[in-house]
Each structure stands twice: as structure tokens, then as C-alpha cells.
N, C-alpha and C. Protein backbone atom coordinates (compact mmCIF):
# COMPACT_ATOMS: atom_id res chain seq x y z
N UNK A 1 -19.17 -8.97 9.74
CA UNK A 1 -17.88 -8.88 9.97
C UNK A 1 -17.63 -8.84 11.48
N UNK A 2 -16.53 -8.60 11.99
CA UNK A 2 -16.30 -8.39 13.40
C UNK A 2 -16.60 -7.20 14.12
N UNK A 3 -16.54 -7.07 15.37
CA UNK A 3 -16.85 -5.94 15.94
C UNK A 3 -15.67 -4.98 15.91
N UNK A 4 -14.54 -5.48 15.50
CA UNK A 4 -13.25 -4.90 15.53
C UNK A 4 -13.21 -4.27 14.15
N UNK A 5 -12.67 -2.99 14.05
CA UNK A 5 -12.50 -2.21 12.70
C UNK A 5 -11.36 -3.13 12.01
N UNK A 6 -11.45 -3.05 10.49
CA UNK A 6 -10.49 -3.52 9.73
C UNK A 6 -9.28 -2.76 9.83
N UNK A 7 -8.11 -3.32 9.58
CA UNK A 7 -6.94 -2.69 9.44
C UNK A 7 -6.55 -2.71 8.07
N UNK A 8 -6.25 -1.65 7.34
CA UNK A 8 -5.93 -1.94 5.91
C UNK A 8 -4.52 -1.15 5.78
N UNK A 9 -3.62 -1.83 4.98
CA UNK A 9 -2.25 -1.15 4.61
C UNK A 9 -2.21 -1.51 3.23
N UNK A 10 -1.14 -0.92 2.78
CA UNK A 10 -0.56 -1.10 1.39
C UNK A 10 0.68 -1.66 1.12
N UNK A 11 1.19 -2.64 0.59
CA UNK A 11 2.38 -3.17 0.44
C UNK A 11 2.76 -3.07 -1.04
N UNK A 12 3.88 -3.09 -1.42
CA UNK A 12 4.45 -3.02 -2.89
C UNK A 12 5.45 -4.24 -2.85
N UNK A 13 4.93 -5.17 -3.81
CA UNK A 13 5.54 -6.41 -4.13
C UNK A 13 5.87 -6.37 -5.63
N UNK A 14 7.40 -6.48 -5.89
CA UNK A 14 7.65 -6.52 -7.25
C UNK A 14 7.11 -5.48 -8.15
N UNK A 15 6.98 -4.29 -7.55
CA UNK A 15 6.37 -3.20 -8.18
C UNK A 15 4.74 -3.01 -8.35
N UNK A 16 4.19 -4.27 -7.78
CA UNK A 16 2.53 -4.26 -7.59
C UNK A 16 2.23 -3.64 -6.61
N UNK A 17 1.34 -2.73 -6.42
CA UNK A 17 0.58 -2.33 -5.42
C UNK A 17 -0.55 -3.20 -4.85
N UNK A 18 -0.40 -3.71 -3.47
CA UNK A 18 -1.58 -4.58 -2.80
C UNK A 18 -2.00 -4.12 -1.74
N UNK A 19 -3.24 -4.02 -1.47
CA UNK A 19 -4.04 -3.56 -0.52
C UNK A 19 -4.18 -4.88 0.49
N UNK A 20 -3.82 -4.89 1.70
CA UNK A 20 -4.12 -5.78 2.55
C UNK A 20 -4.96 -5.55 3.76
N UNK A 21 -6.17 -5.99 3.81
CA UNK A 21 -7.12 -5.82 4.92
C UNK A 21 -7.02 -7.08 5.92
N UNK A 22 -7.12 -6.49 7.27
CA UNK A 22 -7.02 -7.54 8.43
C UNK A 22 -8.07 -7.34 9.40
N UNK A 23 -9.00 -8.38 9.47
CA UNK A 23 -9.91 -8.29 10.61
C UNK A 23 -9.94 -9.35 11.65
N UNK A 24 -9.60 -8.87 12.93
CA UNK A 24 -9.37 -9.78 13.81
C UNK A 24 -10.74 -10.40 14.28
N UNK A 25 -10.71 -11.69 14.57
CA UNK A 25 -11.84 -12.30 15.06
C UNK A 25 -13.25 -12.22 14.13
N UNK A 26 -12.72 -12.60 12.96
CA UNK A 26 -13.84 -12.35 11.82
C UNK A 26 -15.06 -13.17 11.96
N UNK A 27 -16.08 -12.61 11.94
CA UNK A 27 -17.46 -13.04 12.18
C UNK A 27 -17.68 -13.93 13.53
N UNK A 28 -17.03 -13.31 14.64
CA UNK A 28 -17.00 -13.72 15.90
C UNK A 28 -16.49 -15.18 16.05
N UNK A 29 -15.42 -15.44 15.09
CA UNK A 29 -14.73 -16.75 15.10
C UNK A 29 -13.47 -16.58 15.89
N UNK A 30 -12.68 -17.88 16.00
CA UNK A 30 -11.16 -17.63 16.49
C UNK A 30 -10.32 -17.44 15.47
N UNK A 31 -10.51 -17.10 14.29
CA UNK A 31 -9.72 -16.86 13.19
C UNK A 31 -9.67 -15.43 12.84
N UNK A 32 -8.54 -15.15 12.36
CA UNK A 32 -8.42 -13.63 11.61
C UNK A 32 -8.76 -13.76 10.26
N UNK A 33 -9.20 -12.73 9.61
CA UNK A 33 -9.46 -12.82 8.09
C UNK A 33 -8.39 -11.81 7.55
N UNK A 34 -7.75 -12.32 6.52
CA UNK A 34 -6.75 -11.20 5.62
C UNK A 34 -7.29 -11.42 4.11
N UNK A 35 -7.49 -10.05 3.62
CA UNK A 35 -7.94 -9.95 2.37
C UNK A 35 -6.71 -9.46 1.56
N UNK A 36 -6.21 -10.20 0.49
CA UNK A 36 -5.27 -9.37 -0.28
C UNK A 36 -5.71 -9.04 -1.71
N UNK A 37 -5.41 -7.74 -2.23
CA UNK A 37 -6.03 -7.45 -3.39
C UNK A 37 -5.02 -6.53 -4.11
N UNK A 38 -4.64 -7.03 -5.31
CA UNK A 38 -3.65 -6.36 -6.28
C UNK A 38 -4.42 -5.26 -6.83
N UNK A 39 -3.81 -4.01 -6.78
CA UNK A 39 -4.39 -2.73 -7.31
C UNK A 39 -3.68 -2.30 -8.55
N UNK A 40 -4.13 -2.31 -9.88
CA UNK A 40 -5.26 -3.05 -10.11
C UNK A 40 -5.20 -4.47 -10.08
N UNK A 41 -6.13 -5.21 -10.23
CA UNK A 41 -6.15 -6.76 -10.04
C UNK A 41 -5.22 -7.24 -10.97
N UNK A 42 -4.10 -8.01 -10.61
CA UNK A 42 -3.43 -8.68 -11.57
C UNK A 42 -2.85 -9.94 -10.83
N UNK A 43 -2.56 -11.11 -11.75
CA UNK A 43 -2.09 -12.35 -11.00
C UNK A 43 -1.07 -12.03 -10.16
N UNK A 44 -0.99 -12.88 -8.98
CA UNK A 44 0.25 -12.88 -7.92
C UNK A 44 0.32 -14.45 -7.86
N UNK A 45 1.41 -14.73 -7.24
CA UNK A 45 1.70 -16.18 -7.01
C UNK A 45 0.95 -16.96 -6.00
N UNK A 46 -0.22 -16.09 -5.35
CA UNK A 46 -0.88 -16.66 -4.60
C UNK A 46 -2.41 -16.67 -4.98
N UNK A 47 -2.54 -16.02 -6.22
CA UNK A 47 -4.04 -15.94 -6.71
C UNK A 47 -3.83 -15.82 -8.13
N UNK A 48 -4.70 -16.00 -9.11
CA UNK A 48 -4.76 -16.01 -10.49
C UNK A 48 -5.56 -14.66 -10.73
N UNK A 49 -6.46 -14.17 -9.79
CA UNK A 49 -7.32 -13.22 -10.01
C UNK A 49 -6.87 -11.90 -9.41
N UNK A 50 -5.93 -11.77 -8.69
CA UNK A 50 -5.54 -10.66 -8.06
C UNK A 50 -6.14 -10.26 -6.46
N UNK A 51 -7.00 -11.23 -6.17
CA UNK A 51 -7.73 -11.30 -5.05
C UNK A 51 -7.64 -12.54 -4.21
N UNK A 52 -7.21 -12.60 -2.86
CA UNK A 52 -7.20 -13.89 -2.18
C UNK A 52 -7.73 -13.43 -0.79
N UNK A 53 -8.62 -14.30 -0.43
CA UNK A 53 -9.13 -14.23 0.93
C UNK A 53 -8.56 -15.38 1.89
N UNK A 54 -7.95 -15.06 3.07
CA UNK A 54 -7.25 -16.08 3.71
C UNK A 54 -7.68 -15.92 5.42
N UNK A 55 -7.88 -17.04 5.89
CA UNK A 55 -8.06 -17.04 7.28
C UNK A 55 -6.93 -17.72 7.96
N UNK A 56 -6.54 -17.05 9.13
CA UNK A 56 -5.28 -17.63 9.70
C UNK A 56 -5.55 -17.36 11.29
N UNK A 57 -4.95 -18.31 12.13
CA UNK A 57 -4.85 -18.11 13.60
C UNK A 57 -4.28 -17.11 14.08
N UNK A 58 -4.70 -16.38 14.99
CA UNK A 58 -4.11 -15.04 15.55
C UNK A 58 -2.73 -15.53 15.98
N UNK A 59 -2.48 -16.42 16.64
CA UNK A 59 -1.15 -16.82 17.10
C UNK A 59 -0.13 -17.02 15.98
N UNK A 60 -0.59 -17.54 14.82
CA UNK A 60 0.43 -17.71 13.55
C UNK A 60 0.77 -16.34 12.98
N UNK A 61 -0.43 -15.46 13.01
CA UNK A 61 -0.08 -14.10 12.40
C UNK A 61 0.83 -13.31 13.45
N UNK A 62 0.81 -13.68 14.88
CA UNK A 62 1.48 -13.11 15.84
C UNK A 62 3.11 -13.06 15.51
N UNK A 63 3.58 -14.04 14.79
CA UNK A 63 4.92 -14.18 14.72
C UNK A 63 5.39 -13.21 13.65
N UNK A 64 4.44 -12.30 12.86
CA UNK A 64 4.95 -11.32 11.94
C UNK A 64 4.63 -10.04 12.48
N UNK A 65 5.05 -8.97 12.03
CA UNK A 65 4.94 -7.49 12.17
C UNK A 65 3.64 -6.97 11.45
N UNK A 66 2.50 -7.66 11.93
CA UNK A 66 1.17 -7.39 11.18
C UNK A 66 0.85 -8.11 9.88
N UNK A 67 -0.46 -7.93 9.50
CA UNK A 67 -0.74 -8.68 8.15
C UNK A 67 -0.07 -8.29 7.12
N UNK A 68 0.37 -7.08 6.91
CA UNK A 68 1.30 -6.65 5.67
C UNK A 68 2.61 -7.42 5.64
N UNK A 69 3.19 -7.76 6.65
CA UNK A 69 4.60 -8.46 6.91
C UNK A 69 4.29 -9.85 6.59
N UNK A 70 3.10 -10.37 6.97
CA UNK A 70 2.85 -11.74 6.73
C UNK A 70 2.61 -11.90 5.29
N UNK A 71 1.79 -11.07 4.58
CA UNK A 71 1.61 -11.03 3.14
C UNK A 71 2.87 -10.87 2.43
N UNK A 72 3.73 -9.99 2.74
CA UNK A 72 5.10 -9.88 2.07
C UNK A 72 5.86 -11.07 2.12
N UNK A 73 5.97 -11.87 3.34
CA UNK A 73 6.48 -13.01 3.32
C UNK A 73 6.05 -14.18 2.66
N UNK A 74 4.68 -14.29 2.52
CA UNK A 74 3.91 -15.22 1.63
C UNK A 74 4.19 -15.16 0.36
N UNK A 75 4.30 -13.72 -0.35
CA UNK A 75 4.38 -13.50 -1.59
C UNK A 75 5.97 -13.85 -1.93
N UNK A 76 6.94 -13.60 -0.97
CA UNK A 76 8.22 -13.85 -1.34
C UNK A 76 8.46 -15.31 -1.49
N UNK A 77 7.88 -15.96 -0.52
CA UNK A 77 8.10 -17.45 -0.48
C UNK A 77 7.42 -18.11 -1.70
N UNK A 78 6.36 -17.72 -1.93
CA UNK A 78 5.38 -18.41 -3.16
C UNK A 78 5.99 -17.89 -4.53
N UNK A 79 6.78 -16.83 -4.62
CA UNK A 79 7.28 -16.13 -5.90
C UNK A 79 8.62 -16.50 -5.93
N UNK A 80 9.40 -17.26 -5.34
CA UNK A 80 10.64 -17.49 -5.48
C UNK A 80 11.11 -17.71 -6.90
N UNK A 81 10.35 -18.46 -7.47
CA UNK A 81 10.63 -18.94 -8.94
C UNK A 81 9.59 -18.36 -9.79
N UNK A 82 8.70 -17.53 -9.50
CA UNK A 82 7.55 -17.17 -10.16
C UNK A 82 7.96 -15.91 -11.27
N UNK A 83 7.57 -15.93 -12.50
CA UNK A 83 8.13 -15.07 -13.37
C UNK A 83 7.00 -14.26 -13.93
N UNK A 84 5.79 -14.21 -13.26
CA UNK A 84 4.64 -13.30 -13.56
C UNK A 84 3.51 -14.16 -14.39
N UNK A 85 3.99 -15.41 -14.63
CA UNK A 85 3.00 -16.29 -15.50
C UNK A 85 2.40 -17.20 -14.64
N UNK A 86 1.15 -17.59 -14.90
CA UNK A 86 0.53 -18.71 -14.07
C UNK A 86 0.54 -20.03 -15.18
N UNK A 87 0.62 -21.08 -14.62
CA UNK A 87 0.57 -22.29 -15.38
C UNK A 87 -0.61 -23.01 -15.19
N UNK A 88 -1.35 -23.68 -16.31
CA UNK A 88 -2.49 -24.24 -16.13
C UNK A 88 -2.46 -25.69 -15.70
N UNK A 89 -1.28 -26.26 -15.91
CA UNK A 89 -1.02 -27.67 -15.66
C UNK A 89 0.04 -27.79 -14.60
């Protein structure tokens, strides 16, 4: 991991508790790492398993008020027509 400590926050999206972990400069790279985990794990519009690992450029994340705000926006955008069911095809 990075030399910087992880920042962890919890958001609630459509009644689902979601832990968001953000590490700046992950593995000494020029990217930040965001881990999204539903508690308990349940499908989300961005993951079938309830867990998603995502890398993002710090300048893209700077457009939001932190990683939790970014994930909230991401879920809202991906879940506009999502009914809680994932499709296989």
C-alpha cells in the first residue's frame, strides 16, 4: 500500500451501507485507489459481488468532495434504471 493512511468513510445508497476506502498514491503510483464494499456484500449497479476496486487519477477525484462523494455520484449515475437485479445478458 501507500505510505499514506487509508481514509475510510461510510455512505448509505438506497438503504445499503457501503464502506468506501481511499488510498492516495497507491503502491507509489500516480493513481489513487478506491475500494467500495457493501456491508453486508450485496450486488450494486457497479459490482455483482458487492466489492469493487477502482483506480482513479487524483485530478479526477478532486472534482468531488472526497471518495465517498465520488462513489455516491457513480452509484447514482449507474443506478438510474437499476432495480436491484443484475442481468446476465
